[in-house]
Structures are given as structure tokens and as C-alpha cells.
Amino acid sequence: MKPFRFLALVLAVLLLGIGGMTGAQAEEGIAQPLTDKPGDPANGKALAMARSKGNCIACHWLPEATFPGNAGPNLYEAIRHNERSTAWIRQKIVNPKVDNPDTLMFTFYDSTGKQNLLKAWEGKPVLEAQEVEDVIAYLLSLRN
């Protein structure tokens, strides 16, 4: 293959790859907090551990969790070693399906595209806006 054709082919492949990038590959998320009040890490921890509310431990390992799950990533290690933005973390809690439609994680605040097991939960958030901010504050506290 002639050098010019090879270079043109490589350039075309790179341009196609860049043009095909989606929000899933971008560090975006929800930059604006859902409330004016700062998150409370202690309440966020309680919510993350509560089987009746946030229930993060059903799928994720967290420090001090009783019988944590392993279907999702170890949140302690993911938060400690990952410099994802607060906006990115907020997006994952509010509606992780925005950038990963195939995720098994369900939405905790946004009911768009939500599929619930119980009719009583349809259209209702699992966490209120302040509770989302509290969970974020707890997760960010794991970085320290």
C-alpha cells in the first residue's frame, strides 16, 4: 500500500472514531446540585446502607456494610481511586441509563425509562433530591 493511501486510511478511521463518540465517553453529568443545601455524609451513609431506601449495598461493596453485594463495582475502591467529578457521580445516581442504557443499575431520582417491580413505585423517585446530595457527600468522603 502506498504511504499516502495508508495515511489517508488511518486518518479516516480516526475521524470516524471521533465522530462516533457519545456522551458515554465524555466526562459530563449533572453539574448543578439538586438542592441548595450541601449534602450530609452521615445521612448519605445511612441511606447507602439502608435496605429500605438507597440500598447501595445490595449491589456494591462499601465499608461497614453488612452482607454487601458484588453485582456492581466496589464503590469504596472506585471512589478512592477514581477522580470522576461530582457531576458524573450525581448522574450515575440520578439516572445511570443516560450514558449506559444497558446498565443493570436503576434510576434513583429520575423516573425516565424506569421499570419498577411494584406499581406503587411507578413515577416516584427512590431518593429525594436532598438524599441524592447526601449520598454523593458520603461517597466523596470515602476519598479522604
N, C-alpha and C. Protein backbone atom coordinates (compact mmCIF):
# COMPACT_ATOMS: atom_id res chain seq x y z
N MET A 1 0.86 -1.18 0.00
CA MET A 1 0.00 0.00 0.00
C MET A 1 0.90 1.24 0.00
N LYS A 2 0.55 2.19 -0.79
CA LYS A 2 1.35 3.41 -0.88
C LYS A 2 1.20 4.20 0.42
N PRO A 3 2.27 4.90 0.83
CA PRO A 3 2.23 5.65 2.09
C PRO A 3 1.08 6.65 2.17
N PHE A 4 0.76 7.33 1.08
CA PHE A 4 -0.33 8.31 1.10
C PHE A 4 -1.66 7.63 1.38
N ARG A 5 -1.91 6.49 0.72
CA ARG A 5 -3.18 5.77 0.93
C ARG A 5 -3.27 5.26 2.36
N PHE A 6 -2.17 4.77 2.89
CA PHE A 6 -2.16 4.27 4.26
C PHE A 6 -2.47 5.41 5.23
N LEU A 7 -1.82 6.55 5.04
CA LEU A 7 -2.06 7.71 5.89
C LEU A 7 -3.52 8.18 5.78
N ALA A 8 -4.06 8.18 4.58
CA ALA A 8 -5.46 8.57 4.37
C ALA A 8 -6.40 7.60 5.08
N LEU A 9 -6.09 6.31 5.03
CA LEU A 9 -6.91 5.30 5.70
C LEU A 9 -6.88 5.49 7.22
N VAL A 10 -5.69 5.70 7.76
CA VAL A 10 -5.56 5.92 9.20
C VAL A 10 -6.33 7.17 9.63
N LEU A 11 -6.19 8.23 8.87
CA LEU A 11 -6.90 9.47 9.18
C LEU A 11 -8.41 9.28 9.13
N ALA A 12 -8.90 8.55 8.13
CA ALA A 12 -10.34 8.29 8.01
C ALA A 12 -10.85 7.50 9.21
N VAL A 13 -10.11 6.48 9.64
CA VAL A 13 -10.51 5.67 10.78
C VAL A 13 -10.56 6.54 12.05
N LEU A 14 -9.55 7.38 12.24
CA LEU A 14 -9.54 8.26 13.40
C LEU A 14 -10.71 9.23 13.40
N LEU A 15 -10.99 9.81 12.26
CA LEU A 15 -12.11 10.75 12.17
C LEU A 15 -13.44 10.07 12.42
N LEU A 16 -13.60 8.86 11.91
CA LEU A 16 -14.84 8.12 12.17
C LEU A 16 -14.98 7.81 13.65
N GLY A 17 -13.88 7.45 14.28
CA GLY A 17 -13.91 7.16 15.72
C GLY A 17 -14.27 8.37 16.54
N ILE A 18 -13.70 9.53 16.21
CA ILE A 18 -14.00 10.76 16.95
C ILE A 18 -15.45 11.16 16.73
N GLY A 19 -15.92 11.06 15.50
CA GLY A 19 -17.30 11.42 15.19
C GLY A 19 -18.31 10.52 15.86
N GLY A 20 -17.90 9.29 16.18
CA GLY A 20 -18.82 8.34 16.80
C GLY A 20 -18.84 8.41 18.31
N MET A 21 -18.04 9.29 18.90
CA MET A 21 -18.02 9.39 20.36
C MET A 21 -19.35 9.92 20.86
N THR A 22 -19.81 9.35 21.95
CA THR A 22 -21.09 9.74 22.53
C THR A 22 -20.87 10.33 23.91
N GLY A 23 -21.96 10.74 24.54
CA GLY A 23 -21.89 11.24 25.91
C GLY A 23 -21.37 10.20 26.88
N ALA A 24 -21.48 8.91 26.52
CA ALA A 24 -21.00 7.85 27.39
C ALA A 24 -19.49 7.95 27.57
N GLN A 25 -18.80 8.53 26.60
CA GLN A 25 -17.35 8.62 26.69
C GLN A 25 -16.92 9.97 27.25
N ALA A 26 -17.82 10.83 27.47
CA ALA A 26 -17.48 12.17 27.94
C ALA A 26 -17.65 12.27 29.45
N GLU A 27 -16.86 13.13 30.06
CA GLU A 27 -16.98 13.39 31.49
C GLU A 27 -17.96 14.54 31.64
N GLU A 28 -19.22 14.22 31.70
CA GLU A 28 -20.23 15.27 31.79
C GLU A 28 -20.99 15.08 33.09
N GLY A 29 -22.25 14.73 32.99
CA GLY A 29 -23.04 14.52 34.18
C GLY A 29 -23.95 15.68 34.49
N ILE A 30 -24.35 15.77 35.75
CA ILE A 30 -25.25 16.82 36.22
C ILE A 30 -24.43 17.72 37.14
N ALA A 31 -24.00 18.85 36.62
CA ALA A 31 -23.11 19.74 37.37
C ALA A 31 -23.83 20.45 38.52
N GLN A 32 -25.06 20.82 38.30
CA GLN A 32 -25.81 21.60 39.29
C GLN A 32 -26.37 20.69 40.38
N PRO A 33 -26.07 20.97 41.66
CA PRO A 33 -26.68 20.18 42.73
C PRO A 33 -28.20 20.24 42.64
N LEU A 34 -28.86 19.22 43.14
CA LEU A 34 -30.32 19.14 43.07
C LEU A 34 -30.99 20.01 44.12
N THR A 35 -30.22 20.46 45.12
CA THR A 35 -30.76 21.32 46.19
C THR A 35 -29.76 22.43 46.49
N ASP A 36 -30.20 23.39 47.29
CA ASP A 36 -29.31 24.47 47.72
C ASP A 36 -28.52 24.10 48.97
N LYS A 37 -28.95 23.05 49.64
CA LYS A 37 -28.33 22.63 50.89
C LYS A 37 -27.21 21.62 50.59
N PRO A 38 -26.04 21.76 51.22
CA PRO A 38 -24.97 20.79 50.99
C PRO A 38 -25.37 19.40 51.48
N GLY A 39 -24.78 18.39 50.86
CA GLY A 39 -25.07 17.02 51.27
C GLY A 39 -24.51 16.70 52.64
N ASP A 40 -25.19 15.82 53.35
CA ASP A 40 -24.80 15.38 54.68
C ASP A 40 -24.22 13.97 54.56
N PRO A 41 -22.89 13.81 54.71
CA PRO A 41 -22.29 12.49 54.53
C PRO A 41 -22.82 11.43 55.50
N ALA A 42 -23.14 11.82 56.73
CA ALA A 42 -23.65 10.84 57.70
C ALA A 42 -25.00 10.30 57.25
N ASN A 43 -25.88 11.18 56.80
CA ASN A 43 -27.18 10.72 56.30
C ASN A 43 -27.00 9.93 55.00
N GLY A 44 -26.05 10.37 54.16
CA GLY A 44 -25.77 9.64 52.93
C GLY A 44 -25.32 8.22 53.19
N LYS A 45 -24.49 8.05 54.21
CA LYS A 45 -24.04 6.71 54.59
C LYS A 45 -25.22 5.87 55.06
N ALA A 46 -26.07 6.45 55.89
CA ALA A 46 -27.25 5.73 56.37
C ALA A 46 -28.14 5.30 55.20
N LEU A 47 -28.32 6.19 54.23
CA LEU A 47 -29.14 5.87 53.05
C LEU A 47 -28.50 4.77 52.21
N ALA A 48 -27.19 4.85 52.03
CA ALA A 48 -26.48 3.85 51.22
C ALA A 48 -26.57 2.47 51.86
N MET A 49 -26.61 2.42 53.18
CA MET A 49 -26.66 1.15 53.90
C MET A 49 -28.08 0.64 54.13
N ALA A 50 -29.07 1.51 54.02
CA ALA A 50 -30.46 1.15 54.34
C ALA A 50 -31.06 0.27 53.25
N ARG A 51 -31.49 -0.89 53.64
CA ARG A 51 -32.12 -1.82 52.68
C ARG A 51 -33.46 -1.28 52.18
N SER A 52 -34.07 -0.38 52.93
CA SER A 52 -35.39 0.13 52.55
C SER A 52 -35.34 1.44 51.77
N LYS A 53 -34.15 1.98 51.53
CA LYS A 53 -34.08 3.28 50.87
C LYS A 53 -33.06 3.25 49.73
N GLY A 54 -31.85 3.75 49.95
CA GLY A 54 -30.84 3.79 48.89
C GLY A 54 -30.38 2.40 48.49
N ASN A 55 -30.09 1.59 49.50
CA ASN A 55 -29.74 0.19 49.31
C ASN A 55 -28.58 -0.02 48.34
N CYS A 56 -27.60 0.87 48.38
CA CYS A 56 -26.42 0.73 47.52
C CYS A 56 -25.73 -0.61 47.76
N ILE A 57 -25.79 -1.07 49.01
CA ILE A 57 -25.07 -2.29 49.37
C ILE A 57 -25.72 -3.56 48.80
N ALA A 58 -26.88 -3.43 48.21
CA ALA A 58 -27.46 -4.61 47.55
C ALA A 58 -26.58 -5.07 46.40
N CYS A 59 -25.91 -4.12 45.75
CA CYS A 59 -25.09 -4.43 44.57
C CYS A 59 -23.62 -4.05 44.73
N HIS A 60 -23.31 -3.18 45.68
CA HIS A 60 -21.95 -2.65 45.80
C HIS A 60 -21.35 -2.93 47.17
N TRP A 61 -20.01 -3.08 47.19
CA TRP A 61 -19.30 -3.19 48.45
C TRP A 61 -18.99 -1.80 48.95
N LEU A 62 -19.27 -1.57 50.23
CA LEU A 62 -18.95 -0.32 50.92
C LEU A 62 -18.41 -0.66 52.30
N PRO A 63 -17.53 0.18 52.86
CA PRO A 63 -17.03 -0.08 54.20
C PRO A 63 -18.17 -0.16 55.21
N GLU A 64 -18.04 -1.09 56.15
CA GLU A 64 -19.00 -1.28 57.23
C GLU A 64 -20.35 -1.81 56.78
N ALA A 65 -20.46 -2.24 55.54
CA ALA A 65 -21.74 -2.78 55.06
C ALA A 65 -21.91 -4.21 55.55
N THR A 66 -23.14 -4.55 55.90
CA THR A 66 -23.47 -5.91 56.29
C THR A 66 -24.00 -6.64 55.07
N PHE A 67 -23.35 -7.72 54.69
CA PHE A 67 -23.72 -8.52 53.53
C PHE A 67 -23.82 -7.69 52.24
N PRO A 68 -22.72 -7.02 51.86
CA PRO A 68 -22.77 -6.22 50.62
C PRO A 68 -22.83 -7.12 49.40
N GLY A 69 -23.36 -6.57 48.32
CA GLY A 69 -23.44 -7.30 47.06
C GLY A 69 -22.17 -7.15 46.25
N ASN A 70 -22.12 -7.90 45.15
CA ASN A 70 -20.96 -7.80 44.27
C ASN A 70 -21.36 -7.72 42.80
N ALA A 71 -22.60 -7.36 42.54
CA ALA A 71 -23.07 -7.22 41.15
C ALA A 71 -22.50 -5.96 40.50
N GLY A 72 -22.30 -4.92 41.30
CA GLY A 72 -21.73 -3.67 40.80
C GLY A 72 -20.32 -3.51 41.31
N PRO A 73 -19.65 -2.44 40.89
CA PRO A 73 -18.27 -2.24 41.35
C PRO A 73 -18.19 -1.95 42.84
N ASN A 74 -17.04 -2.25 43.41
CA ASN A 74 -16.73 -1.92 44.78
C ASN A 74 -16.66 -0.39 44.85
N LEU A 75 -17.65 0.24 45.47
CA LEU A 75 -17.73 1.70 45.47
C LEU A 75 -16.60 2.35 46.26
N TYR A 76 -16.15 1.69 47.29
CA TYR A 76 -15.05 2.24 48.08
C TYR A 76 -13.80 2.39 47.22
N GLU A 77 -13.43 1.33 46.54
CA GLU A 77 -12.24 1.38 45.68
C GLU A 77 -12.48 2.29 44.48
N ALA A 78 -13.67 2.24 43.91
CA ALA A 78 -13.97 3.06 42.73
C ALA A 78 -13.87 4.54 43.05
N ILE A 79 -14.38 4.94 44.20
CA ILE A 79 -14.34 6.35 44.59
C ILE A 79 -12.93 6.76 45.01
N ARG A 80 -12.25 5.91 45.77
CA ARG A 80 -10.90 6.25 46.25
C ARG A 80 -9.90 6.41 45.11
N HIS A 81 -10.01 5.57 44.10
CA HIS A 81 -9.00 5.55 43.04
C HIS A 81 -9.48 6.14 41.73
N ASN A 82 -10.62 6.77 41.74
CA ASN A 82 -11.17 7.31 40.51
C ASN A 82 -11.47 8.79 40.73
N GLU A 83 -10.97 9.59 39.86
CA GLU A 83 -11.16 11.03 40.01
C GLU A 83 -12.37 11.54 39.23
N ARG A 84 -13.42 10.75 39.14
CA ARG A 84 -14.64 11.20 38.46
C ARG A 84 -15.18 12.42 39.19
N SER A 85 -15.81 13.28 38.44
CA SER A 85 -16.34 14.52 39.00
C SER A 85 -17.61 14.26 39.81
N THR A 86 -17.93 15.21 40.64
CA THR A 86 -19.19 15.16 41.39
C THR A 86 -20.36 15.11 40.43
N ALA A 87 -20.27 15.83 39.32
CA ALA A 87 -21.34 15.83 38.30
C ALA A 87 -21.54 14.43 37.74
N TRP A 88 -20.46 13.72 37.50
CA TRP A 88 -20.55 12.35 36.96
C TRP A 88 -21.20 11.42 37.98
N ILE A 89 -20.78 11.54 39.24
CA ILE A 89 -21.36 10.70 40.30
C ILE A 89 -22.85 11.00 40.43
N ARG A 90 -23.21 12.27 40.40
CA ARG A 90 -24.63 12.66 40.50
C ARG A 90 -25.43 12.01 39.37
N GLN A 91 -24.90 12.04 38.16
CA GLN A 91 -25.60 11.44 37.01
C GLN A 91 -25.81 9.95 37.23
N LYS A 92 -24.81 9.27 37.77
CA LYS A 92 -24.92 7.83 38.00
C LYS A 92 -26.02 7.50 39.00
N ILE A 93 -26.23 8.37 39.97
CA ILE A 93 -27.28 8.12 40.96
C ILE A 93 -28.64 8.53 40.41
N VAL A 94 -28.71 9.69 39.80
CA VAL A 94 -29.99 10.20 39.28
C VAL A 94 -30.54 9.29 38.20
N ASN A 95 -29.75 9.02 37.18
CA ASN A 95 -30.18 8.14 36.09
C ASN A 95 -28.97 7.62 35.33
N PRO A 96 -28.45 6.46 35.74
CA PRO A 96 -27.27 5.91 35.09
C PRO A 96 -27.51 5.47 33.65
N LYS A 97 -28.76 5.34 33.27
CA LYS A 97 -29.08 4.87 31.92
C LYS A 97 -28.86 5.94 30.85
N VAL A 98 -28.64 7.20 31.26
CA VAL A 98 -28.40 8.27 30.30
C VAL A 98 -27.17 7.96 29.46
N ASP A 99 -26.10 7.54 30.10
CA ASP A 99 -24.88 7.26 29.35
C ASP A 99 -24.58 5.77 29.23
N ASN A 100 -25.39 4.93 29.83
CA ASN A 100 -25.21 3.49 29.70
C ASN A 100 -26.58 2.82 29.76
N PRO A 101 -27.30 2.80 28.62
CA PRO A 101 -28.66 2.26 28.61
C PRO A 101 -28.76 0.79 29.01
N ASP A 102 -27.65 0.07 28.93
CA ASP A 102 -27.67 -1.36 29.23
C ASP A 102 -27.32 -1.68 30.68
N THR A 103 -27.07 -0.66 31.49
CA THR A 103 -26.69 -0.92 32.87
C THR A 103 -27.83 -1.61 33.63
N LEU A 104 -27.45 -2.44 34.58
CA LEU A 104 -28.45 -3.09 35.44
C LEU A 104 -28.89 -2.15 36.56
N MET A 105 -28.08 -1.13 36.82
CA MET A 105 -28.42 -0.17 37.87
C MET A 105 -29.66 0.62 37.47
N PHE A 106 -30.57 0.76 38.41
CA PHE A 106 -31.79 1.50 38.08
C PHE A 106 -31.67 2.94 38.54
N THR A 107 -32.62 3.74 38.12
CA THR A 107 -32.58 5.16 38.45
C THR A 107 -33.07 5.38 39.88
N PHE A 108 -32.43 6.31 40.57
CA PHE A 108 -32.81 6.58 41.96
C PHE A 108 -33.60 7.88 42.11
N TYR A 109 -33.51 8.75 41.11
CA TYR A 109 -34.21 10.03 41.24
C TYR A 109 -35.05 10.34 40.01
N ASP A 110 -34.51 10.13 38.85
CA ASP A 110 -35.21 10.39 37.58
C ASP A 110 -36.04 9.16 37.23
N SER A 111 -37.30 9.35 36.91
CA SER A 111 -38.15 8.21 36.58
C SER A 111 -38.25 7.96 35.08
N THR A 112 -37.46 8.67 34.27
CA THR A 112 -37.46 8.48 32.82
C THR A 112 -36.97 7.08 32.49
N GLY A 113 -37.78 6.33 31.77
CA GLY A 113 -37.39 4.99 31.35
C GLY A 113 -37.27 3.99 32.47
N LYS A 114 -37.80 4.32 33.61
CA LYS A 114 -37.69 3.46 34.78
C LYS A 114 -38.67 2.30 34.69
N GLN A 115 -38.19 1.14 35.04
CA GLN A 115 -39.05 -0.04 35.08
C GLN A 115 -39.05 -0.55 36.51
N ASN A 116 -40.17 -0.47 37.14
CA ASN A 116 -40.28 -0.88 38.54
C ASN A 116 -40.97 -2.23 38.65
N LEU A 117 -40.67 -2.89 39.73
CA LEU A 117 -41.33 -4.16 40.00
C LEU A 117 -42.70 -3.95 40.61
N LEU A 118 -42.87 -2.90 41.37
CA LEU A 118 -44.14 -2.64 42.03
C LEU A 118 -44.83 -1.43 41.40
N LYS A 119 -46.12 -1.56 41.13
CA LYS A 119 -46.89 -0.45 40.55
C LYS A 119 -46.89 0.77 41.46
N ALA A 120 -46.84 0.55 42.76
CA ALA A 120 -46.87 1.65 43.72
C ALA A 120 -45.67 2.59 43.57
N TRP A 121 -44.57 2.10 42.98
CA TRP A 121 -43.36 2.91 42.82
C TRP A 121 -43.28 3.61 41.47
N GLU A 122 -44.19 3.35 40.56
CA GLU A 122 -44.10 3.95 39.23
C GLU A 122 -44.13 5.47 39.30
N GLY A 123 -43.20 6.10 38.61
CA GLY A 123 -43.13 7.55 38.55
C GLY A 123 -42.62 8.22 39.82
N LYS A 124 -42.22 7.44 40.80
CA LYS A 124 -41.74 8.00 42.07
C LYS A 124 -40.23 7.77 42.20
N PRO A 125 -39.52 8.76 42.71
CA PRO A 125 -38.08 8.55 42.92
C PRO A 125 -37.83 7.66 44.14
N VAL A 126 -36.74 6.93 44.10
CA VAL A 126 -36.34 6.15 45.27
C VAL A 126 -35.76 7.09 46.32
N LEU A 127 -34.97 8.05 45.85
CA LEU A 127 -34.36 9.05 46.74
C LEU A 127 -34.89 10.44 46.41
N GLU A 128 -35.10 11.23 47.42
CA GLU A 128 -35.47 12.63 47.22
C GLU A 128 -34.20 13.40 46.84
N ALA A 129 -34.37 14.61 46.33
CA ALA A 129 -33.23 15.41 45.86
C ALA A 129 -32.15 15.57 46.94
N GLN A 130 -32.55 15.90 48.16
CA GLN A 130 -31.56 16.09 49.22
C GLN A 130 -30.86 14.77 49.55
N GLU A 131 -31.59 13.68 49.47
CA GLU A 131 -30.98 12.38 49.74
C GLU A 131 -29.93 12.03 48.69
N VAL A 132 -30.17 12.39 47.44
CA VAL A 132 -29.16 12.18 46.40
C VAL A 132 -27.89 12.94 46.77
N GLU A 133 -28.04 14.19 47.17
CA GLU A 133 -26.88 15.00 47.54
C GLU A 133 -26.18 14.44 48.78
N ASP A 134 -26.95 13.86 49.70
CA ASP A 134 -26.36 13.24 50.89
C ASP A 134 -25.52 12.02 50.52
N VAL A 135 -26.03 11.19 49.63
CA VAL A 135 -25.28 10.00 49.19
C VAL A 135 -24.00 10.43 48.47
N ILE A 136 -24.09 11.45 47.65
CA ILE A 136 -22.90 11.96 46.96
C ILE A 136 -21.86 12.43 47.99
N ALA A 137 -22.31 13.17 49.01
CA ALA A 137 -21.39 13.65 50.05
C ALA A 137 -20.72 12.48 50.76
N TYR A 138 -21.47 11.43 51.05
CA TYR A 138 -20.89 10.24 51.68
C TYR A 138 -19.85 9.60 50.77
N LEU A 139 -20.20 9.39 49.50
CA LEU A 139 -19.26 8.75 48.58
C LEU A 139 -17.98 9.58 48.44
N LEU A 140 -18.12 10.88 48.35
CA LEU A 140 -16.93 11.74 48.24
C LEU A 140 -16.10 11.71 49.51
N SER A 141 -16.74 11.47 50.66
CA SER A 141 -15.99 11.39 51.92
C SER A 141 -15.08 10.16 51.95
N LEU A 142 -15.35 9.18 51.12
CA LEU A 142 -14.52 7.98 51.06
C LEU A 142 -13.17 8.25 50.42
N ARG A 143 -13.05 9.36 49.72
CA ARG A 143 -11.77 9.73 49.09
C ARG A 143 -10.74 10.18 50.12
N ASN A 144 -11.19 10.59 51.28
CA ASN A 144 -10.27 11.14 52.30
C ASN A 144 -9.64 10.05 53.13
